[in-house]
């Protein structure tokens, strides 16, 4: 069972790193990362105001990237290097709160701009 949680820490860490990459790409190029922000039902060209959507979603992407990366690193350390039950639990709860808030916020943005 512990190996499964260790694998999940690698997935969350990868998600955090990808989110940082998406943040930088959106900040530089201005294209909406459809994988992270839109999903299958939405397409970038249908956005009513791309600049406003990006300006409102970029802070959320950055916060999500930080939370996922920090939790991924802490969970990786907990599973593979040194057990830290309490710290891992606290950061898991914080990560889940940030994840849910990110999903709700970007869902509202999609309804507003698409």
PDB file of N, CA and C in Angstrom:
ATOM      1  N   UNK A   1       0.822  -1.194   0.000  1.00  0.00           N
ATOM      2  CA  UNK A   1       0.000   0.000   0.000  1.00  0.00           C
ATOM      3  C   UNK A   1       0.864   1.254   0.000  1.00  0.00           C
ATOM      4  N   UNK A   2       1.962   1.227   0.719  1.00  0.00           N
ATOM      5  CA  UNK A   2       2.857   2.382   0.801  1.00  0.00           C
ATOM      6  C   UNK A   2       3.473   2.696  -0.566  1.00  0.00           C
ATOM      7  N   UNK A   3       3.702   1.656  -1.389  1.00  0.00           N
ATOM      8  CA  UNK A   3       4.264   1.884  -2.716  1.00  0.00           C
ATOM      9  C   UNK A   3       3.303   2.665  -3.595  1.00  0.00           C
ATOM     10  N   UNK A   4       1.996   2.430  -3.421  1.00  0.00           N
ATOM     11  CA  UNK A   4       1.005   3.151  -4.206  1.00  0.00           C
ATOM     12  C   UNK A   4       1.042   4.644  -3.866  1.00  0.00           C
ATOM     13  N   UNK A   5       1.139   4.964  -2.586  1.00  0.00           N
ATOM     14  CA  UNK A   5       1.195   6.369  -2.183  1.00  0.00           C
ATOM     15  C   UNK A   5       2.491   7.021  -2.655  1.00  0.00           C
ATOM     16  N   UNK A   6       3.565   6.254  -2.690  1.00  0.00           N
ATOM     17  CA  UNK A   6       4.811   6.775  -3.228  1.00  0.00           C
ATOM     18  C   UNK A   6       4.690   7.095  -4.708  1.00  0.00           C
ATOM     19  N   UNK A   7       3.978   6.249  -5.434  1.00  0.00           N
ATOM     20  CA  UNK A   7       3.740   6.499  -6.851  1.00  0.00           C
ATOM     21  C   UNK A   7       2.873   7.735  -7.041  1.00  0.00           C
ATOM     22  N   UNK A   8       1.886   7.921  -6.179  1.00  0.00           N
ATOM     23  CA  UNK A   8       1.036   9.106  -6.256  1.00  0.00           C
ATOM     24  C   UNK A   8       1.832  10.385  -5.989  1.00  0.00           C
ATOM     25  N   UNK A   9       2.817  10.299  -5.114  1.00  0.00           N
ATOM     26  CA  UNK A   9       3.640  11.484  -4.862  1.00  0.00           C
ATOM     27  C   UNK A   9       4.402  11.891  -6.117  1.00  0.00           C
ATOM     28  N   UNK A  10       4.852  10.923  -6.893  1.00  0.00           N
ATOM     29  CA  UNK A  10       5.543  11.221  -8.138  1.00  0.00           C
ATOM     30  C   UNK A  10       4.576  11.840  -9.146  1.00  0.00           C
ATOM     31  N   UNK A  11       3.354  11.351  -9.194  1.00  0.00           N
ATOM     32  CA  UNK A  11       2.346  11.909 -10.101  1.00  0.00           C
ATOM     33  C   UNK A  11       2.016  13.351  -9.716  1.00  0.00           C
ATOM     34  N   UNK A  12       1.811  13.606  -8.418  1.00  0.00           N
ATOM     35  CA  UNK A  12       1.495  14.967  -7.961  1.00  0.00           C
ATOM     36  C   UNK A  12       2.669  15.902  -8.226  1.00  0.00           C
ATOM     37  N   UNK A  13       3.872  15.443  -7.988  1.00  0.00           N
ATOM     38  CA  UNK A  13       5.059  16.249  -8.267  1.00  0.00           C
ATOM     39  C   UNK A  13       5.153  16.567  -9.756  1.00  0.00           C
ATOM     40  N   UNK A  14       4.910  15.589 -10.589  1.00  0.00           N
ATOM     41  CA  UNK A  14       4.905  15.820 -12.037  1.00  0.00           C
ATOM     42  C   UNK A  14       3.826  16.802 -12.457  1.00  0.00           C
ATOM     43  N   UNK A  15       2.678  16.715 -11.826  1.00  0.00           N
ATOM     44  CA  UNK A  15       1.592  17.650 -12.101  1.00  0.00           C
ATOM     45  C   UNK A  15       1.984  19.069 -11.706  1.00  0.00           C
ATOM     46  N   UNK A  16       2.658  19.209 -10.590  1.00  0.00           N
ATOM     47  CA  UNK A  16       3.122  20.523 -10.161  1.00  0.00           C
ATOM     48  C   UNK A  16       4.147  21.111 -11.112  1.00  0.00           C
ATOM     49  N   UNK A  17       5.081  20.284 -11.562  1.00  0.00           N
ATOM     50  CA  UNK A  17       6.097  20.749 -12.501  1.00  0.00           C
ATOM     51  C   UNK A  17       5.450  21.128 -13.835  1.00  0.00           C
ATOM     52  N   UNK A  18       4.512  20.307 -14.302  1.00  0.00           N
ATOM     53  CA  UNK A  18       3.801  20.633 -15.540  1.00  0.00           C
ATOM     54  C   UNK A  18       3.005  21.929 -15.388  1.00  0.00           C
ATOM     55  N   UNK A  19       2.427  22.157 -14.230  1.00  0.00           N
ATOM     56  CA  UNK A  19       1.667  23.390 -13.997  1.00  0.00           C
ATOM     57  C   UNK A  19       2.573  24.608 -14.039  1.00  0.00           C
ATOM     58  N   UNK A  20       3.783  24.486 -13.487  1.00  0.00           N
ATOM     59  CA  UNK A  20       4.759  25.577 -13.607  1.00  0.00           C
ATOM     60  C   UNK A  20       5.103  25.834 -15.076  1.00  0.00           C
ATOM     61  N   UNK A  21       5.314  24.766 -15.817  1.00  0.00           N
ATOM     62  CA  UNK A  21       5.607  24.888 -17.243  1.00  0.00           C
ATOM     63  C   UNK A  21       4.453  25.583 -17.969  1.00  0.00           C
ATOM     64  N   UNK A  22       3.219  25.160 -17.683  1.00  0.00           N
ATOM     65  CA  UNK A  22       2.049  25.764 -18.319  1.00  0.00           C
ATOM     66  C   UNK A  22       1.926  27.232 -17.940  1.00  0.00           C
ATOM     67  N   UNK A  23       2.203  27.555 -16.686  1.00  0.00           N
ATOM     68  CA  UNK A  23       2.142  28.944 -16.237  1.00  0.00           C
ATOM     69  C   UNK A  23       3.128  29.808 -17.022  1.00  0.00           C
ATOM     70  N   UNK A  24       4.349  29.333 -17.148  1.00  0.00           N
ATOM     71  CA  UNK A  24       5.376  30.097 -17.866  1.00  0.00           C
ATOM     72  C   UNK A  24       5.000  30.253 -19.335  1.00  0.00           C
ATOM     73  N   UNK A  25       4.520  29.184 -19.953  1.00  0.00           N
ATOM     74  CA  UNK A  25       4.121  29.253 -21.355  1.00  0.00           C
ATOM     75  C   UNK A  25       2.960  30.228 -21.561  1.00  0.00           C
ATOM     76  N   UNK A  26       1.977  30.199 -20.679  1.00  0.00           N
ATOM     77  CA  UNK A  26       0.842  31.111 -20.813  1.00  0.00           C
ATOM     78  C   UNK A  26       1.267  32.546 -20.553  1.00  0.00           C
ATOM     79  N   UNK A  27       2.181  32.732 -19.620  1.00  0.00           N
ATOM     80  CA  UNK A  27       2.661  34.080 -19.304  1.00  0.00           C
ATOM     81  C   UNK A  27       3.448  34.655 -20.485  1.00  0.00           C
ATOM     82  N   UNK A  28       4.264  33.836 -21.126  1.00  0.00           N
ATOM     83  CA  UNK A  28       5.076  34.290 -22.256  1.00  0.00           C
ATOM     84  C   UNK A  28       4.256  34.429 -23.537  1.00  0.00           C
ATOM     85  N   UNK A  29       3.597  33.356 -23.923  1.00  0.00           N
ATOM     86  CA  UNK A  29       2.965  33.305 -25.234  1.00  0.00           C
ATOM     87  C   UNK A  29       1.523  33.756 -25.283  1.00  0.00           C
ATOM     88  N   UNK A  30       0.838  33.719 -24.176  1.00  0.00           N
ATOM     89  CA  UNK A  30      -0.546  34.145 -24.150  1.00  0.00           C
ATOM     90  C   UNK A  30      -1.550  33.109 -24.598  1.00  0.00           C
ATOM     91  N   UNK A  31      -1.116  31.915 -24.963  1.00  0.00           N
ATOM     92  CA  UNK A  31      -2.050  30.865 -25.352  1.00  0.00           C
ATOM     93  C   UNK A  31      -2.559  30.138 -24.109  1.00  0.00           C
ATOM     94  N   UNK A  32      -3.840  29.840 -24.096  1.00  0.00           N
ATOM     95  CA  UNK A  32      -4.443  29.138 -22.961  1.00  0.00           C
ATOM     96  C   UNK A  32      -4.039  27.673 -23.013  1.00  0.00           C
ATOM     97  N   UNK A  33      -3.571  27.133 -21.900  1.00  0.00           N
ATOM     98  CA  UNK A  33      -3.235  25.721 -21.817  1.00  0.00           C
ATOM     99  C   UNK A  33      -4.537  24.938 -21.681  1.00  0.00           C
ATOM    100  N   UNK A  34      -4.953  24.317 -22.781  1.00  0.00           N
ATOM    101  CA  UNK A  34      -6.233  23.622 -22.798  1.00  0.00           C
ATOM    102  C   UNK A  34      -6.250  22.403 -21.888  1.00  0.00           C
ATOM    103  N   UNK A  35      -5.132  21.743 -21.740  1.00  0.00           N
ATOM    104  CA  UNK A  35      -5.062  20.552 -20.887  1.00  0.00           C
ATOM    105  C   UNK A  35      -5.312  20.901 -19.433  1.00  0.00           C
ATOM    106  N   UNK A  36      -4.717  21.959 -18.970  1.00  0.00           N
ATOM    107  CA  UNK A  36      -4.798  22.320 -17.557  1.00  0.00           C
ATOM    108  C   UNK A  36      -6.062  23.106 -17.228  1.00  0.00           C
ATOM    109  N   UNK A  37      -6.479  23.983 -18.106  1.00  0.00           N
ATOM    110  CA  UNK A  37      -7.567  24.901 -17.769  1.00  0.00           C
ATOM    111  C   UNK A  37      -8.906  24.590 -18.430  1.00  0.00           C
ATOM    112  N   UNK A  38      -8.914  23.975 -19.590  1.00  0.00           N
ATOM    113  CA  UNK A  38     -10.167  23.872 -20.317  1.00  0.00           C
ATOM    114  C   UNK A  38     -10.779  22.483 -20.360  1.00  0.00           C
ATOM    115  N   UNK A  39     -10.018  21.497 -20.653  1.00  0.00           N
ATOM    116  CA  UNK A  39     -10.579  20.157 -20.787  1.00  0.00           C
ATOM    117  C   UNK A  39     -11.088  19.920 -22.197  1.00  0.00           C
ATOM    118  N   UNK A  40     -11.810  18.829 -22.391  1.00  0.00           N
ATOM    119  CA  UNK A  40     -12.241  18.426 -23.727  1.00  0.00           C
ATOM    120  C   UNK A  40     -13.401  19.251 -24.268  1.00  0.00           C
ATOM    121  N   UNK A  41     -14.256  19.758 -23.429  1.00  0.00           N
ATOM    122  CA  UNK A  41     -15.474  20.422 -23.885  1.00  0.00           C
ATOM    123  C   UNK A  41     -15.244  21.839 -24.383  1.00  0.00           C
ATOM    124  N   UNK A  42     -14.102  22.411 -24.098  1.00  0.00           N
ATOM    125  CA  UNK A  42     -13.845  23.804 -24.442  1.00  0.00           C
ATOM    126  C   UNK A  42     -12.651  23.904 -25.376  1.00  0.00           C
ATOM    127  N   UNK A  43     -12.700  24.906 -26.262  1.00  0.00           N
ATOM    128  CA  UNK A  43     -11.590  25.157 -27.172  1.00  0.00           C
ATOM    129  C   UNK A  43     -11.204  26.619 -27.073  1.00  0.00           C
ATOM    130  N   UNK A  44      -9.908  26.871 -27.152  1.00  0.00           N
ATOM    131  CA  UNK A  44      -9.380  28.214 -26.910  1.00  0.00           C
ATOM    132  C   UNK A  44      -9.989  29.258 -27.833  1.00  0.00           C
ATOM    133  N   UNK A  45     -10.201  28.918 -29.073  1.00  0.00           N
ATOM    134  CA  UNK A  45     -10.685  29.922 -30.021  1.00  0.00           C
ATOM    135  C   UNK A  45     -12.113  30.396 -29.719  1.00  0.00           C
ATOM    136  N   UNK A  46     -12.839  29.678 -28.874  1.00  0.00           N
ATOM    137  CA  UNK A  46     -14.198  30.079 -28.514  1.00  0.00           C
ATOM    138  C   UNK A  46     -14.248  31.024 -27.308  1.00  0.00           C
ATOM    139  N   UNK A  47     -13.101  31.373 -26.772  1.00  0.00           N
ATOM    140  CA  UNK A  47     -13.042  32.245 -25.606  1.00  0.00           C
ATOM    141  C   UNK A  47     -13.462  33.657 -26.002  1.00  0.00           C
ATOM    142  N   UNK A  48     -14.348  34.260 -25.210  1.00  0.00           N
ATOM    143  CA  UNK A  48     -14.866  35.601 -25.500  1.00  0.00           C
ATOM    144  C   UNK A  48     -13.807  36.683 -25.274  1.00  0.00           C
ATOM    145  N   UNK A  49     -13.005  36.547 -24.212  1.00  0.00           N
ATOM    146  CA  UNK A  49     -11.961  37.531 -23.897  1.00  0.00           C
ATOM    147  C   UNK A  49     -10.758  36.782 -23.326  1.00  0.00           C
ATOM    148  N   UNK A  50      -9.855  36.397 -24.231  1.00  0.00           N
ATOM    149  CA  UNK A  50      -8.717  35.552 -23.852  1.00  0.00           C
ATOM    150  C   UNK A  50      -7.802  36.237 -22.848  1.00  0.00           C
ATOM    151  N   UNK A  51      -7.536  37.531 -23.024  1.00  0.00           N
ATOM    152  CA  UNK A  51      -6.634  38.245 -22.121  1.00  0.00           C
ATOM    153  C   UNK A  51      -7.197  38.310 -20.706  1.00  0.00           C
ATOM    154  N   UNK A  52      -8.486  38.575 -20.589  1.00  0.00           N
ATOM    155  CA  UNK A  52      -9.110  38.630 -19.261  1.00  0.00           C
ATOM    156  C   UNK A  52      -9.123  37.245 -18.610  1.00  0.00           C
ATOM    157  N   UNK A  53      -9.410  36.224 -19.412  1.00  0.00           N
ATOM    158  CA  UNK A  53      -9.396  34.856 -18.885  1.00  0.00           C
ATOM    159  C   UNK A  53      -8.009  34.499 -18.362  1.00  0.00           C
ATOM    160  N   UNK A  54      -6.978  34.827 -19.139  1.00  0.00           N
ATOM    161  CA  UNK A  54      -5.611  34.531 -18.706  1.00  0.00           C
ATOM    162  C   UNK A  54      -5.226  35.331 -17.471  1.00  0.00           C
ATOM    163  N   UNK A  55      -5.586  36.604 -17.436  1.00  0.00           N
ATOM    164  CA  UNK A  55      -5.193  37.423 -16.281  1.00  0.00           C
ATOM    165  C   UNK A  55      -5.857  36.938 -14.996  1.00  0.00           C
ATOM    166  N   UNK A  56      -7.052  36.370 -15.111  1.00  0.00           N
ATOM    167  CA  UNK A  56      -7.719  35.856 -13.916  1.00  0.00           C
ATOM    168  C   UNK A  56      -7.312  34.433 -13.572  1.00  0.00           C
ATOM    169  N   UNK A  57      -6.910  33.650 -14.556  1.00  0.00           N
ATOM    170  CA  UNK A  57      -6.575  32.254 -14.279  1.00  0.00           C
ATOM    171  C   UNK A  57      -5.103  32.031 -13.932  1.00  0.00           C
ATOM    172  N   UNK A  58      -4.215  32.906 -14.385  1.00  0.00           N
ATOM    173  CA  UNK A  58      -2.788  32.706 -14.124  1.00  0.00           C
ATOM    174  C   UNK A  58      -2.432  32.656 -12.637  1.00  0.00           C
ATOM    175  N   UNK A  59      -2.978  33.530 -11.775  1.00  0.00           N
ATOM    176  CA  UNK A  59      -2.657  33.384 -10.346  1.00  0.00           C
ATOM    177  C   UNK A  59      -3.113  32.042  -9.761  1.00  0.00           C
ATOM    178  N   UNK A  60      -4.258  31.557 -10.215  1.00  0.00           N
ATOM    179  CA  UNK A  60      -4.749  30.267  -9.727  1.00  0.00           C
ATOM    180  C   UNK A  60      -3.838  29.132 -10.177  1.00  0.00           C
ATOM    181  N   UNK A  61      -3.345  29.210 -11.408  1.00  0.00           N
ATOM    182  CA  UNK A  61      -2.423  28.186 -11.913  1.00  0.00           C
ATOM    183  C   UNK A  61      -1.131  28.201 -11.114  1.00  0.00           C
ATOM    184  N   UNK A  62      -0.624  29.387 -10.801  1.00  0.00           N
ATOM    185  CA  UNK A  62       0.614  29.490 -10.023  1.00  0.00           C
ATOM    186  C   UNK A  62       0.434  28.927  -8.614  1.00  0.00           C
ATOM    187  N   UNK A  63      -0.659  29.253  -7.967  1.00  0.00           N
ATOM    188  CA  UNK A  63      -0.920  28.727  -6.615  1.00  0.00           C
ATOM    189  C   UNK A  63      -1.054  27.210  -6.653  1.00  0.00           C
ATOM    190  N   UNK A  64      -1.776  26.692  -7.656  1.00  0.00           N
ATOM    191  CA  UNK A  64      -1.914  25.246  -7.795  1.00  0.00           C
ATOM    192  C   UNK A  64      -0.560  24.587  -8.051  1.00  0.00           C
ATOM    193  N   UNK A  65       0.268  25.199  -8.893  1.00  0.00           N
ATOM    194  CA  UNK A  65       1.591  24.642  -9.196  1.00  0.00           C
ATOM    195  C   UNK A  65       2.460  24.577  -7.945  1.00  0.00           C
ATOM    196  N   UNK A  66       2.435  25.626  -7.153  1.00  0.00           N
ATOM    197  CA  UNK A  66       3.216  25.648  -5.914  1.00  0.00           C
ATOM    198  C   UNK A  66       2.725  24.582  -4.958  1.00  0.00           C
ATOM    199  N   UNK A  67       1.402  24.506  -4.769  1.00  0.00           N
ATOM    200  CA  UNK A  67       0.834  23.529  -3.836  1.00  0.00           C
ATOM    201  C   UNK A  67       1.138  22.103  -4.272  1.00  0.00           C
ATOM    202  N   UNK A  68       0.988  21.809  -5.553  1.00  0.00           N
ATOM    203  CA  UNK A  68       1.238  20.455  -6.039  1.00  0.00           C
ATOM    204  C   UNK A  68       2.715  20.086  -5.927  1.00  0.00           C
ATOM    205  N   UNK A  69       3.588  21.009  -6.249  1.00  0.00           N
ATOM    206  CA  UNK A  69       5.024  20.721  -6.175  1.00  0.00           C
ATOM    207  C   UNK A  69       5.474  20.516  -4.737  1.00  0.00           C
ATOM    208  N   UNK A  70       5.034  21.387  -3.852  1.00  0.00           N
ATOM    209  CA  UNK A  70       5.426  21.264  -2.437  1.00  0.00           C
ATOM    210  C   UNK A  70       4.892  19.966  -1.844  1.00  0.00           C
ATOM    211  N   UNK A  71       3.606  19.674  -2.089  1.00  0.00           N
ATOM    212  CA  UNK A  71       3.057  18.427  -1.548  1.00  0.00           C
ATOM    213  C   UNK A  71       3.731  17.210  -2.178  1.00  0.00           C
ATOM    214  N   UNK A  72       4.008  17.254  -3.477  1.00  0.00           N
ATOM    215  CA  UNK A  72       4.677  16.127  -4.127  1.00  0.00           C
ATOM    216  C   UNK A  72       6.041  15.852  -3.531  1.00  0.00           C
ATOM    217  N   UNK A  73       6.792  16.911  -3.265  1.00  0.00           N
ATOM    218  CA  UNK A  73       8.134  16.745  -2.665  1.00  0.00           C
ATOM    219  C   UNK A  73       8.018  16.199  -1.245  1.00  0.00           C
ATOM    220  N   UNK A  74       7.116  16.765  -0.451  1.00  0.00           N
ATOM    221  CA  UNK A  74       6.963  16.309   0.938  1.00  0.00           C
ATOM    222  C   UNK A  74       6.486  14.859   0.984  1.00  0.00           C
ATOM    223  N   UNK A  75       5.536  14.508   0.130  1.00  0.00           N
ATOM    224  CA  UNK A  75       5.038  13.132   0.120  1.00  0.00           C
ATOM    225  C   UNK A  75       6.114  12.172  -0.381  1.00  0.00           C
ATOM    226  N   UNK A  76       6.913  12.598  -1.351  1.00  0.00           N
ATOM    227  CA  UNK A  76       8.017  11.767  -1.834  1.00  0.00           C
ATOM    228  C   UNK A  76       9.018  11.501  -0.715  1.00  0.00           C
ATOM    229  N   UNK A  77       9.372  12.561   0.013  1.00  0.00           N
ATOM    230  CA  UNK A  77      10.297  12.405   1.146  1.00  0.00           C
ATOM    231  C   UNK A  77       9.692  11.487   2.200  1.00  0.00           C
ATOM    232  N   UNK A  78       8.402  11.674   2.465  1.00  0.00           N
ATOM    233  CA  UNK A  78       7.716  10.844   3.469  1.00  0.00           C
ATOM    234  C   UNK A  78       7.716   9.368   3.063  1.00  0.00           C
ATOM    235  N   UNK A  79       7.484   9.093   1.784  1.00  0.00           N
ATOM    236  CA  UNK A  79       7.371   7.700   1.345  1.00  0.00           C
ATOM    237  C   UNK A  79       8.707   7.016   1.120  1.00  0.00           C
ATOM    238  N   UNK A  80       9.717   7.751   0.686  1.00  0.00           N
ATOM    239  CA  UNK A  80      10.958   7.113   0.265  1.00  0.00           C
ATOM    240  C   UNK A  80      12.179   7.424   1.129  1.00  0.00           C
ATOM    241  N   UNK A  81      12.165   8.518   1.876  1.00  0.00           N
ATOM    242  CA  UNK A  81      13.372   8.905   2.607  1.00  0.00           C
ATOM    243  C   UNK A  81      13.173   8.820   4.110  1.00  0.00           C
ATOM    244  N   UNK A  82      12.251   9.629   4.637  1.00  0.00           N
ATOM    245  CA  UNK A  82      12.045   9.678   6.085  1.00  0.00           C
ATOM    246  C   UNK A  82      10.566   9.881   6.369  1.00  0.00           C
ATOM    247  N   UNK A  83       9.944   8.984   7.111  1.00  0.00           N
ATOM    248  CA  UNK A  83       8.519   9.140   7.422  1.00  0.00           C
ATOM    249  C   UNK A  83       8.249  10.410   8.229  1.00  0.00           C
ATOM    250  N   UNK A  84       7.256  11.160   7.773  1.00  0.00           N
ATOM    251  CA  UNK A  84       6.818  12.384   8.452  1.00  0.00           C
ATOM    252  C   UNK A  84       5.296  12.406   8.402  1.00  0.00           C
ATOM    253  N   UNK A  85       4.659  11.618   9.227  1.00  0.00           N
ATOM    254  CA  UNK A  85       3.209  11.434   9.172  1.00  0.00           C
ATOM    255  C   UNK A  85       2.438  12.745   9.267  1.00  0.00           C
ATOM    256  N   UNK A  86       2.696  13.525  10.300  1.00  0.00           N
ATOM    257  CA  UNK A  86       1.913  14.727  10.563  1.00  0.00           C
ATOM    258  C   UNK A  86       2.115  15.770   9.470  1.00  0.00           C
ATOM    259  N   UNK A  87       3.356  16.024   9.101  1.00  0.00           N
ATOM    260  CA  UNK A  87       3.643  17.011   8.061  1.00  0.00           C
ATOM    261  C   UNK A  87       3.024  16.595   6.730  1.00  0.00           C
ATOM    262  N   UNK A  88       3.114  15.316   6.410  1.00  0.00           N
ATOM    263  CA  UNK A  88       2.533  14.815   5.174  1.00  0.00           C
ATOM    264  C   UNK A  88       1.013  14.972   5.181  1.00  0.00           C
ATOM    265  N   UNK A  89       0.392  14.685   6.292  1.00  0.00           N
ATOM    266  CA  UNK A  89      -1.061  14.813   6.403  1.00  0.00           C
ATOM    267  C   UNK A  89      -1.507  16.265   6.271  1.00  0.00           C
ATOM    268  N   UNK A  90      -0.800  17.169   6.924  1.00  0.00           N
ATOM    269  CA  UNK A  90      -1.147  18.596   6.862  1.00  0.00           C
ATOM    270  C   UNK A  90      -1.038  19.096   5.419  1.00  0.00           C
ATOM    271  N   UNK A  91       0.042  18.762   4.739  1.00  0.00           N
ATOM    272  CA  UNK A  91       0.211  19.232   3.367  1.00  0.00           C
ATOM    273  C   UNK A  91      -0.724  18.533   2.391  1.00  0.00           C
ATOM    274  N   UNK A  92      -1.115  17.302   2.684  1.00  0.00           N
ATOM    275  CA  UNK A  92      -2.099  16.633   1.843  1.00  0.00           C
ATOM    276  C   UNK A  92      -3.442  17.350   1.940  1.00  0.00           C
ATOM    277  N   UNK A  93      -3.843  17.721   3.139  1.00  0.00           N
ATOM    278  CA  UNK A  93      -5.102  18.439   3.322  1.00  0.00           C
ATOM    279  C   UNK A  93      -5.043  19.799   2.637  1.00  0.00           C
ATOM    280  N   UNK A  94      -3.929  20.507   2.798  1.00  0.00           N
ATOM    281  CA  UNK A  94      -3.771  21.807   2.121  1.00  0.00           C
ATOM    282  C   UNK A  94      -3.817  21.652   0.608  1.00  0.00           C
ATOM    283  N   UNK A  95      -3.148  20.629   0.087  1.00  0.00           N
ATOM    284  CA  UNK A  95      -3.163  20.390  -1.352  1.00  0.00           C
ATOM    285  C   UNK A  95      -4.573  20.096  -1.847  1.00  0.00           C
ATOM    286  N   UNK A  96      -5.310  19.284  -1.123  1.00  0.00           N
ATOM    287  CA  UNK A  96      -6.676  18.959  -1.544  1.00  0.00           C
ATOM    288  C   UNK A  96      -7.580  20.186  -1.514  1.00  0.00           C
ATOM    289  N   UNK A  97      -7.390  21.055  -0.533  1.00  0.00           N
ATOM    290  CA  UNK A  97      -8.167  22.301  -0.468  1.00  0.00           C
ATOM    291  C   UNK A  97      -7.842  23.178  -1.676  1.00  0.00           C
ATOM    292  N   UNK A  98      -6.556  23.312  -1.991  1.00  0.00           N
ATOM    293  CA  UNK A  98      -6.147  24.114  -3.145  1.00  0.00           C
ATOM    294  C   UNK A  98      -6.667  23.498  -4.441  1.00  0.00           C
ATOM    295  N   UNK A  99      -6.629  22.183  -4.550  1.00  0.00           N
ATOM    296  CA  UNK A  99      -7.115  21.491  -5.742  1.00  0.00           C
ATOM    297  C   UNK A  99      -8.597  21.757  -5.968  1.00  0.00           C
ATOM    298  N   UNK A 100      -9.400  21.597  -4.931  1.00  0.00           N
ATOM    299  CA  UNK A 100     -10.838  21.827  -5.053  1.00  0.00           C
ATOM    300  C   UNK A 100     -11.123  23.296  -5.381  1.00  0.00           C
ATOM    301  N   UNK A 101     -10.434  24.212  -4.708  1.00  0.00           N
ATOM    302  CA  UNK A 101     -10.622  25.641  -4.980  1.00  0.00           C
ATOM    303  C   UNK A 101     -10.227  25.966  -6.427  1.00  0.00           C
ATOM    304  N   UNK A 102      -9.147  25.368  -6.921  1.00  0.00           N
ATOM    305  CA  UNK A 102      -8.705  25.582  -8.304  1.00  0.00           C
ATOM    306  C   UNK A 102      -9.769  25.101  -9.286  1.00  0.00           C
ATOM    307  N   UNK A 103     -10.310  23.924  -9.038  1.00  0.00           N
ATOM    308  CA  UNK A 103     -11.327  23.373  -9.936  1.00  0.00           C
ATOM    309  C   UNK A 103     -12.603  24.219  -9.937  1.00  0.00           C
ATOM    310  N   UNK A 104     -13.027  24.662  -8.766  1.00  0.00           N
ATOM    311  CA  UNK A 104     -14.226  25.488  -8.677  1.00  0.00           C
ATOM    312  C   UNK A 104     -13.995  26.834  -9.359  1.00  0.00           C
ATOM    313  N   UNK A 105     -12.874  27.466  -9.077  1.00  0.00           N
ATOM    314  CA  UNK A 105     -12.578  28.793  -9.629  1.00  0.00           C
ATOM    315  C   UNK A 105     -12.450  28.751 -11.149  1.00  0.00           C
ATOM    316  N   UNK A 106     -11.697  27.782 -11.677  1.00  0.00           N
ATOM    317  CA  UNK A 106     -11.541  27.714 -13.132  1.00  0.00           C
ATOM    318  C   UNK A 106     -12.845  27.293 -13.808  1.00  0.00           C
ATOM    319  N   UNK A 107     -13.667  26.526 -13.121  1.00  0.00           N
ATOM    320  CA  UNK A 107     -14.983  26.198 -13.658  1.00  0.00           C
ATOM    321  C   UNK A 107     -15.853  27.440 -13.807  1.00  0.00           C
ATOM    322  N   UNK A 108     -15.812  28.309 -12.813  1.00  0.00           N
ATOM    323  CA  UNK A 108     -16.557  29.571 -12.897  1.00  0.00           C
ATOM    324  C   UNK A 108     -16.011  30.452 -14.010  1.00  0.00           C
ATOM    325  N   UNK A 109     -14.693  30.492 -14.159  1.00  0.00           N
ATOM    326  CA  UNK A 109     -14.097  31.276 -15.240  1.00  0.00           C
ATOM    327  C   UNK A 109     -14.519  30.748 -16.606  1.00  0.00           C
ATOM    328  N   UNK A 110     -14.578  29.434 -16.746  1.00  0.00           N
ATOM    329  CA  UNK A 110     -15.004  28.861 -18.028  1.00  0.00           C
ATOM    330  C   UNK A 110     -16.438  29.251 -18.348  1.00  0.00           C
ATOM    331  N   UNK A 111     -17.310  29.214 -17.340  1.00  0.00           N
ATOM    332  CA  UNK A 111     -18.708  29.610 -17.576  1.00  0.00           C
ATOM    333  C   UNK A 111     -18.809  31.081 -17.950  1.00  0.00           C
ATOM    334  N   UNK A 112     -17.932  31.897 -17.392  1.00  0.00           N
ATOM    335  CA  UNK A 112     -17.982  33.332 -17.631  1.00  0.00           C
ATOM    336  C   UNK A 112     -17.436  33.704 -19.020  1.00  0.00           C
ATOM    337  N   UNK A 113     -16.394  33.012 -19.487  1.00  0.00           N
ATOM    338  CA  UNK A 113     -15.706  33.424 -20.702  1.00  0.00           C
ATOM    339  C   UNK A 113     -15.932  32.512 -21.895  1.00  0.00           C
ATOM    340  N   UNK A 114     -16.672  31.442 -21.747  1.00  0.00           N
ATOM    341  CA  UNK A 114     -16.925  30.552 -22.881  1.00  0.00           C
ATOM    342  C   UNK A 114     -18.405  30.364 -23.090  1.00  0.00           C
TER     343      UNK A 114
END
